[in-house]
Protein backbone atom coordinates (compact mmCIF):
# COMPACT_ATOMS: atom_id res chain seq x y z
CA UNK A 1 28.83 -24.82 -0.86
CA UNK A 2 29.18 -25.91 2.75
CA UNK A 3 28.65 -22.32 3.90
CA UNK A 4 25.43 -22.12 1.87
CA UNK A 5 24.21 -25.38 3.39
CA UNK A 6 24.87 -24.09 6.89
CA UNK A 7 23.08 -20.84 6.12
CA UNK A 8 20.01 -22.66 4.81
CA UNK A 9 19.96 -25.01 7.80
CA UNK A 10 20.33 -22.13 10.24
CA UNK A 11 17.53 -20.24 8.51
CA UNK A 12 15.22 -23.24 8.72
CA UNK A 13 16.05 -23.77 12.39
CA UNK A 14 15.45 -20.09 13.14
CA UNK A 15 12.07 -20.23 11.42
CA UNK A 16 11.08 -23.34 13.39
CA UNK A 17 12.10 -21.61 16.59
CA UNK A 18 10.20 -18.44 15.65
CA UNK A 19 7.03 -20.48 15.24
CA UNK A 20 7.21 -21.38 18.91
CA UNK A 21 6.76 -17.72 19.84
CA UNK A 22 4.16 -16.92 17.16
CA UNK A 23 0.63 -16.04 18.25
CA UNK A 24 -1.28 -19.34 18.42
CA UNK A 25 -4.63 -17.61 18.11
CA UNK A 26 -4.10 -16.80 14.43
CA UNK A 27 -2.53 -20.10 13.39
CA UNK A 28 -5.72 -21.44 11.78
CA UNK A 29 -6.74 -18.19 10.13
CA UNK A 30 -6.71 -18.12 6.30
CA UNK A 31 -3.17 -17.75 4.84
CA UNK A 32 -1.60 -17.62 8.32
CA UNK A 33 -0.46 -21.20 8.87
CA UNK A 34 2.43 -20.87 6.41
CA UNK A 35 4.28 -18.03 4.65
CA UNK A 36 4.17 -19.95 1.36
CA UNK A 37 0.88 -18.48 0.02
CA UNK A 38 1.95 -14.93 0.82
CA UNK A 39 5.38 -15.42 -0.73
CA UNK A 40 3.86 -17.16 -3.77
CA UNK A 41 1.44 -14.29 -4.39
CA UNK A 42 4.27 -11.79 -4.00
CA UNK A 43 6.43 -13.74 -6.47
CA UNK A 44 3.57 -13.81 -8.98
CA UNK A 45 3.33 -10.05 -8.57
CA UNK A 46 7.04 -9.64 -9.35
CA UNK A 47 6.73 -11.96 -12.36
CA UNK A 48 3.84 -9.86 -13.66
CA UNK A 49 5.97 -6.73 -13.23
CA UNK A 50 8.42 -8.29 -15.68
CA UNK A 51 6.04 -10.09 -18.04
CA UNK A 52 3.15 -7.60 -18.10
CA UNK A 53 4.91 -4.76 -19.96
CA UNK A 54 6.31 -7.24 -22.48
CA UNK A 55 2.85 -8.68 -23.09
CA UNK A 56 1.35 -5.21 -23.58
CA UNK A 57 4.23 -3.82 -25.65
CA UNK A 58 2.60 -4.33 -29.07
CA UNK A 59 -0.99 -4.14 -27.87
CA UNK A 60 -3.38 -1.25 -27.44
CA UNK A 61 -3.98 -0.22 -23.80
CA UNK A 62 -7.14 -1.31 -22.05
CA UNK A 63 -9.39 1.47 -20.79
CA UNK A 64 -10.85 -0.41 -17.79
CA UNK A 65 -12.98 2.58 -16.80
CA UNK A 66 -15.84 0.59 -15.25
CA UNK A 67 -13.40 -1.79 -13.60
CA UNK A 68 -11.51 1.10 -12.02
CA UNK A 69 -14.71 2.66 -10.71
CA UNK A 70 -15.82 -0.59 -9.07
CA UNK A 71 -12.33 -1.38 -7.75
CA UNK A 72 -11.61 2.02 -6.24
CA UNK A 73 -14.96 2.39 -4.49
CA UNK A 74 -14.73 -1.23 -3.28
CA UNK A 75 -11.38 -0.35 -1.69
CA UNK A 76 -13.04 2.64 -0.05
CA UNK A 77 -15.57 0.29 1.56
CA UNK A 78 -12.91 -2.24 2.62
CA UNK A 79 -10.66 0.35 4.23
CA UNK A 80 -13.59 2.06 5.94
CA UNK A 81 -14.60 -1.34 7.33
CA UNK A 82 -11.09 -1.95 8.71
CA UNK A 83 -10.86 1.46 10.37
CA UNK A 84 -14.38 1.10 11.76
CA UNK A 85 -13.77 -2.40 13.13
CA UNK A 86 -10.64 -1.31 14.99
CA UNK A 87 -12.45 1.68 16.45
CA UNK A 88 -15.46 -0.39 17.52
CA UNK A 89 -13.22 -3.09 19.00
CA UNK A 90 -11.33 -0.50 21.02
CA UNK A 91 -14.53 1.06 22.34
CA UNK A 92 -15.79 -2.36 23.42
CA UNK A 93 -12.78 -2.97 25.66
CA UNK A 94 -13.25 -2.38 29.37
CA UNK A 95 -10.14 -0.21 29.36
CA UNK A 96 -7.71 0.76 26.68
CA UNK A 97 -5.03 3.29 25.92
CA UNK A 98 -4.15 4.63 22.50
CA UNK A 99 -0.63 5.16 23.82
CA UNK A 100 -0.19 1.52 24.85
CA UNK A 101 -2.76 -1.05 23.77
CA UNK A 102 -2.28 -4.69 24.76
CA UNK A 103 -3.15 -7.61 22.49
CA UNK A 104 -6.83 -7.86 21.57
CA UNK A 105 -8.31 -10.63 19.43
CA UNK A 106 -11.02 -8.41 17.92
CA UNK A 107 -8.45 -5.91 16.75
CA UNK A 108 -6.23 -8.73 15.49
CA UNK A 109 -9.07 -9.90 13.23
CA UNK A 110 -9.57 -6.38 11.84
CA UNK A 111 -5.83 -6.18 11.16
CA UNK A 112 -5.98 -9.52 9.34
CA UNK A 113 -8.36 -7.82 6.91
CA UNK A 114 -5.82 -5.01 6.61
CA UNK A 115 -3.20 -7.59 5.63
CA UNK A 116 -5.62 -8.99 3.02
CA UNK A 117 -6.16 -5.49 1.64
CA UNK A 118 -2.42 -5.21 0.98
CA UNK A 119 -2.69 -8.26 -1.27
CA UNK A 120 -5.70 -6.82 -3.08
CA UNK A 121 -3.71 -3.64 -3.73
CA UNK A 122 -1.46 -5.58 -6.10
CA UNK A 123 -4.24 -4.86 -8.58
CA UNK A 124 -3.12 -1.22 -8.61
CA UNK A 125 -0.04 -2.30 -10.55
CA UNK A 126 -1.96 -4.73 -12.75
CA UNK A 127 -4.28 -1.94 -13.88
CA UNK A 128 -1.36 0.41 -14.54
CA UNK A 129 0.32 -2.13 -16.78
CA UNK A 130 -2.85 -3.17 -18.64
CA UNK A 131 -3.47 0.52 -19.34
CA UNK A 132 0.19 0.90 -20.43
CA UNK A 133 0.90 3.46 -17.72
CA UNK A 134 4.39 1.99 -17.30
CA UNK A 135 5.83 5.25 -16.01
CA UNK A 136 3.48 5.02 -13.01
CA UNK A 137 5.13 1.82 -11.81
CA UNK A 138 7.88 3.70 -9.98
CA UNK A 139 10.36 2.41 -7.42
CA UNK A 140 8.19 3.85 -4.63
CA UNK A 141 5.14 2.10 -6.03
CA UNK A 142 6.84 -1.30 -6.31
CA UNK A 143 8.65 -0.97 -2.97
CA UNK A 144 5.41 -0.22 -1.17
CA UNK A 145 3.44 -3.06 -2.71
CA UNK A 146 6.20 -5.67 -2.45
CA UNK A 147 6.91 -5.03 1.20
CA UNK A 148 3.54 -4.29 2.81
CA UNK A 149 1.90 -7.63 2.06
CA UNK A 150 4.82 -9.66 3.40
CA UNK A 151 5.52 -7.46 6.41
CA UNK A 152 1.91 -7.51 7.52
CA UNK A 153 1.87 -11.31 7.31
CA UNK A 154 4.76 -11.20 9.79
CA UNK A 155 2.90 -8.68 11.91
CA UNK A 156 -0.30 -10.73 12.08
CA UNK A 157 1.63 -13.96 12.66
CA UNK A 158 3.68 -12.72 15.62
CA UNK A 159 2.17 -9.50 16.96
CA UNK A 160 -1.49 -9.17 15.95
CA UNK A 161 -3.50 -6.54 17.76
CA UNK A 162 -1.90 -4.39 20.39
CA UNK A 163 0.22 -1.50 19.15
CA UNK A 164 -0.08 -2.75 15.57
CA UNK A 165 -3.48 -1.10 15.43
CA UNK A 166 -2.18 2.48 15.25
CA UNK A 167 -0.44 2.62 11.89
CA UNK A 168 -3.01 0.36 10.24
CA UNK A 169 -5.93 2.46 11.45
CA UNK A 170 -4.40 5.73 10.22
CA UNK A 171 -3.40 4.17 6.91
CA UNK A 172 -6.84 2.65 6.32
CA UNK A 173 -8.48 6.01 7.05
CA UNK A 174 -6.20 7.72 4.54
CA UNK A 175 -6.95 4.98 2.02
CA UNK A 176 -10.64 5.86 2.26
CA UNK A 177 -9.73 9.33 0.98
CA UNK A 178 -7.17 8.04 -1.50
CA UNK A 179 -9.33 5.46 -3.24
CA UNK A 180 -12.28 7.83 -3.03
CA UNK A 181 -10.20 10.32 -5.00
CA UNK A 182 -9.25 7.68 -7.57
CA UNK A 183 -12.86 6.51 -7.86
CA UNK A 184 -14.08 10.05 -8.50
CA UNK A 185 -11.32 10.60 -11.06
CA UNK A 186 -12.37 7.42 -12.89
CA UNK A 187 -15.93 8.72 -13.28
CA UNK A 188 -14.83 11.06 -16.04
CA UNK A 189 -13.31 14.45 -16.89
CA UNK A 190 -16.35 16.25 -15.51
CA UNK A 191 -15.08 15.40 -12.02
CA UNK A 192 -11.71 17.08 -12.47
CA UNK A 193 -12.86 20.42 -11.08
CA UNK A 194 -13.71 18.70 -7.79
CA UNK A 195 -10.31 17.01 -7.46
CA UNK A 196 -8.19 20.02 -6.55
CA UNK A 197 -7.10 18.38 -3.30
CA UNK A 198 -4.86 15.66 -4.73
CA UNK A 199 -1.68 17.42 -3.56
CA UNK A 200 -2.84 17.21 0.04
CA UNK A 201 -3.09 13.42 -0.08
CA UNK A 202 0.69 13.28 -0.36
CA UNK A 203 1.08 15.73 2.53
CA UNK A 204 -1.27 13.65 4.69
CA UNK A 205 0.72 10.54 3.86
CA UNK A 206 3.97 12.14 5.03
CA UNK A 207 2.31 13.36 8.23
CA UNK A 208 1.10 9.80 8.80
CA UNK A 209 4.64 8.41 8.84
CA UNK A 210 5.87 11.05 11.28
CA UNK A 211 2.95 10.42 13.65
CA UNK A 212 3.51 6.67 13.45
CA UNK A 213 7.19 7.08 14.33
CA UNK A 214 6.23 9.29 17.26
CA UNK A 215 3.75 6.70 18.52
CA UNK A 216 6.27 3.86 18.29
CA UNK A 217 8.99 5.96 19.90
CA UNK A 218 6.73 6.89 22.80
CA UNK A 219 5.86 3.22 23.33
CA UNK A 220 9.55 2.37 23.52
CA UNK A 221 10.19 5.24 25.92
CA UNK A 222 7.37 4.29 28.29
CA UNK A 223 8.17 0.58 28.20
CA UNK A 224 4.86 -0.50 26.72
CA UNK A 225 4.57 -4.33 26.93
CA UNK A 226 4.79 -4.83 23.18
CA UNK A 227 7.73 -6.42 21.29
CA UNK A 228 10.49 -3.83 20.90
CA UNK A 229 11.69 -5.38 17.65
CA UNK A 230 8.33 -4.60 16.08
CA UNK A 231 8.52 -0.97 17.17
CA UNK A 232 12.05 -0.52 15.83
CA UNK A 233 11.15 -2.25 12.58
CA UNK A 234 8.16 0.08 12.18
CA UNK A 235 10.30 3.16 12.80
CA UNK A 236 12.91 2.08 10.26
CA UNK A 237 10.26 1.22 7.69
CA UNK A 238 8.50 4.56 8.16
CA UNK A 239 11.78 6.44 7.70
CA UNK A 240 12.25 4.85 4.28
CA UNK A 241 8.80 6.08 3.24
CA UNK A 242 9.47 9.59 4.53
CA UNK A 243 12.59 9.74 2.35
CA UNK A 244 10.83 8.37 -0.73
CA UNK A 245 7.73 10.51 -0.34
CA UNK A 246 9.80 13.64 0.32
CA UNK A 247 11.75 12.94 -2.87
CA UNK A 248 8.50 12.57 -4.81
CA UNK A 249 6.97 15.69 -3.27
CA UNK A 250 9.99 17.76 -4.23
CA UNK A 251 9.96 16.60 -7.84
CA UNK A 252 6.17 16.83 -8.19
CA UNK A 253 5.42 20.09 -6.44
CA UNK A 254 8.59 22.04 -5.66
CA UNK A 255 10.93 21.64 -8.59
CA UNK A 256 10.02 23.64 -11.65
CA UNK A 257 8.84 21.30 -14.42
CA UNK A 258 10.87 21.11 -17.60
CA UNK A 259 8.93 21.22 -20.85
CA UNK A 260 10.09 18.86 -23.54
CA UNK A 261 9.39 19.40 -27.22
CA UNK A 262 8.80 17.00 -30.00
CA UNK A 263 8.23 18.24 -33.51
CA UNK A 264 8.02 21.82 -32.26
CA UNK A 265 5.10 21.07 -29.94
CA UNK A 266 5.31 20.84 -26.16
CA UNK A 267 4.71 17.44 -24.64
CA UNK A 268 3.03 17.76 -21.26
CA UNK A 269 3.85 15.27 -18.57
CA UNK A 270 0.66 15.95 -16.67
CA UNK A 271 0.29 16.48 -12.95
CA UNK A 272 0.95 13.43 -10.83
CA UNK A 273 0.26 12.56 -7.24
CA UNK A 274 1.76 9.72 -5.32
CA UNK A 275 -0.26 8.30 -2.48
CA UNK A 276 0.74 5.18 -0.69
CA UNK A 277 3.52 4.30 -3.01
CA UNK A 278 2.22 4.92 -6.49
CA UNK A 279 1.66 7.83 -8.81
CA UNK A 280 -1.45 8.88 -10.63
CA UNK A 281 -1.52 11.11 -13.69
CA UNK A 282 -4.85 12.83 -13.40
CA UNK A 283 -5.40 13.68 -17.02
CA UNK A 284 -8.38 13.17 -19.24
CA UNK A 285 -6.67 10.17 -20.77
CA UNK A 286 -6.81 8.36 -17.41
CA UNK A 287 -10.57 8.37 -17.61
CA UNK A 288 -10.63 6.76 -21.01
CA UNK A 289 -11.77 9.94 -22.73
CA UNK A 290 -8.70 11.08 -24.65
CA UNK A 291 -8.51 10.18 -28.31
CA UNK A 292 -5.55 8.01 -29.20
CA UNK A 293 -4.18 6.73 -32.45
CA UNK A 294 -6.04 3.52 -32.98
CA UNK A 295 -8.84 2.48 -30.66
CA UNK A 296 -8.01 1.42 -27.13
CA UNK A 297 -9.23 -1.96 -26.05
CA UNK A 298 -12.47 -1.95 -24.15
CA UNK A 299 -13.48 -4.09 -21.20
């Protein structure tokens, strides 16, 4: 018990000390004064992961077609805004370097919106569960959503702007494509013939992580005046995604699918694509058009 008490006290003291080196410019920004709101939202997300499937177990799935259309295209707009704001902020600087960018308040504000977007993305999981797509809530999906929101609070709190811009800008740009794809898919089965490029979203994601590692590694090599701990943390985090995405890519596109049979009839698993930590089964049923036993709940 005494060891636990010491650990808690040391943790509290370390946090108090860390606040002395946090960026004072963001202290009064929404959700930035304390980690409690971010941790509370993340805990609610985890609780929903447990309670949601149990709530939906004996209920018909919701279709949510209109909701998905509005949500996905809204995320396109939000991510385009973030990428655009960073680009405009960089161009407004007297001098800047993509290889080593020092702290900039305008970019820090754009990255705060990126942090907010990670919280909004919790809705991805909510919609999966309400539609009873439980198999889509994979480890990669949950790992991505659970970590990004918290880690970007840390990033904005201690190292907003500067080199943080690179990964966020690339990721936001990819999200424009990703949520655009999902929005088009939600419009209906008539869009399926235009969605042949879903496989390449996964490839782009993997390229993104390699480029981000290269950028962070170059910054460390050149001695860019940006916290080294942040660069190493980013490299380690990106490596975990490379491993998880490579595992998904192999199972989704390289390994030969196994057909299962039930009652003498093949049961198709569909074609899935994971982008940014979650999988999508792009079948007609995802657009609310497939006939099911019993009527699905409507919005």
